Amino acid sequence: MDSITLLGLLGGTLTTASFFPQVVKTIKTRSTKDVSFAMFLLLSAGITIWIIYGIKIGSVPVVVANSVSLVFSLVILVLKLVYK
């Protein structure tokens, strides 16, 4: 694996990991009062486009990082609906 791919994987890992604390906090507190549904909906749409882009250019880091980010984003959206 070349250094550019590793750099992409590192960046993707860090940005994807940024979702984790929000998911954990939301599950622990069972509160989504301060979470914007519209923001996470738009974010999920954007991440989906990044995944398609990553597939089209054949970039493993883009596809993997954004796929995990999409899962986290969708979890937060579902929790927003469940904890209404």
Protein backbone atom coordinates (compact mmCIF):
# COMPACT_ATOMS: atom_id res chain seq x y z
CA MET A 1 0.00 0.00 0.00
CA ASP A 2 1.45 3.35 -0.98
CA SER A 3 1.87 6.37 1.29
CA ILE A 4 -0.94 8.34 -0.39
CA THR A 5 -3.43 5.54 0.24
CA LEU A 6 -2.26 5.32 3.86
CA LEU A 7 -2.68 9.08 4.22
CA GLY A 8 -6.22 8.81 2.85
CA LEU A 9 -7.02 5.96 5.22
CA LEU A 10 -5.66 7.92 8.19
CA GLY A 11 -7.66 11.02 7.31
CA GLY A 12 -10.77 8.93 6.72
CA THR A 13 -10.31 7.12 10.02
CA LEU A 14 -10.01 10.35 11.98
CA THR A 15 -13.01 12.06 10.37
CA THR A 16 -15.11 8.91 10.65
CA ALA A 17 -14.13 8.45 14.30
CA SER A 18 -15.42 11.95 15.03
CA PHE A 19 -18.98 10.58 14.76
CA PHE A 20 -18.42 7.94 17.44
CA PRO A 21 -18.62 10.21 20.53
CA GLN A 22 -21.95 11.65 19.31
CA VAL A 23 -23.39 8.19 18.73
CA VAL A 24 -22.27 7.02 22.20
CA LYS A 25 -23.57 10.17 23.91
CA THR A 26 -26.90 9.92 22.12
CA ILE A 27 -27.33 6.28 23.12
CA LYS A 28 -26.29 6.95 26.75
CA THR A 29 -28.47 10.03 27.27
CA ARG A 30 -31.32 8.92 24.99
CA SER A 31 -31.57 12.56 24.01
CA THR A 32 -31.34 14.04 20.54
CA LYS A 33 -32.80 17.42 21.47
CA ASP A 34 -29.72 19.30 20.28
CA VAL A 35 -29.09 17.16 17.20
CA SER A 36 -30.25 18.71 13.94
CA PHE A 37 -32.21 16.22 11.83
CA ALA A 38 -31.82 18.39 8.71
CA MET A 39 -28.05 18.62 9.16
CA PHE A 40 -27.62 14.84 9.48
CA LEU A 41 -30.01 14.25 6.57
CA LEU A 42 -27.97 16.56 4.32
CA LEU A 43 -24.74 15.06 5.64
CA SER A 44 -25.97 11.55 4.85
CA ALA A 45 -26.88 12.60 1.30
CA GLY A 46 -23.45 14.17 0.84
CA ILE A 47 -21.68 11.12 2.22
CA THR A 48 -23.66 8.91 -0.18
CA ILE A 49 -22.42 11.05 -3.07
CA TRP A 50 -18.83 10.73 -1.76
CA ILE A 51 -19.23 6.95 -1.73
CA ILE A 52 -20.42 6.98 -5.34
CA TYR A 53 -17.52 9.27 -6.26
CA GLY A 54 -15.05 6.99 -4.48
CA ILE A 55 -16.38 3.99 -6.37
CA LYS A 56 -16.14 5.83 -9.69
CA ILE A 57 -12.50 6.84 -9.12
CA GLY A 58 -11.58 3.53 -7.50
CA SER A 59 -10.49 5.04 -4.19
CA VAL A 60 -10.62 2.54 -1.34
CA PRO A 61 -10.02 5.17 1.39
CA VAL A 62 -12.88 7.35 0.12
CA VAL A 63 -15.31 4.44 -0.12
CA VAL A 64 -14.40 2.81 3.20
CA ALA A 65 -14.27 5.97 5.30
CA ASN A 66 -17.49 7.35 3.88
CA SER A 67 -19.31 4.02 4.18
CA VAL A 68 -18.55 3.88 7.90
CA SER A 69 -19.43 7.57 8.26
CA LEU A 70 -22.76 6.94 6.55
CA VAL A 71 -23.56 4.15 9.00
CA PHE A 72 -22.83 6.45 11.96
CA SER A 73 -24.82 9.30 10.42
CA LEU A 74 -27.79 7.03 9.75
CA VAL A 75 -27.64 5.67 13.31
CA ILE A 76 -27.91 9.23 14.60
CA LEU A 77 -30.85 9.92 12.27
CA VAL A 78 -32.64 6.78 13.44
CA LEU A 79 -31.97 7.66 17.09
CA LYS A 80 -33.35 11.15 16.42
CA LEU A 81 -36.61 9.55 15.28
CA VAL A 82 -36.69 6.95 18.06
CA TYR A 83 -35.90 9.36 20.92
CA LYS A 84 -38.33 12.05 19.77
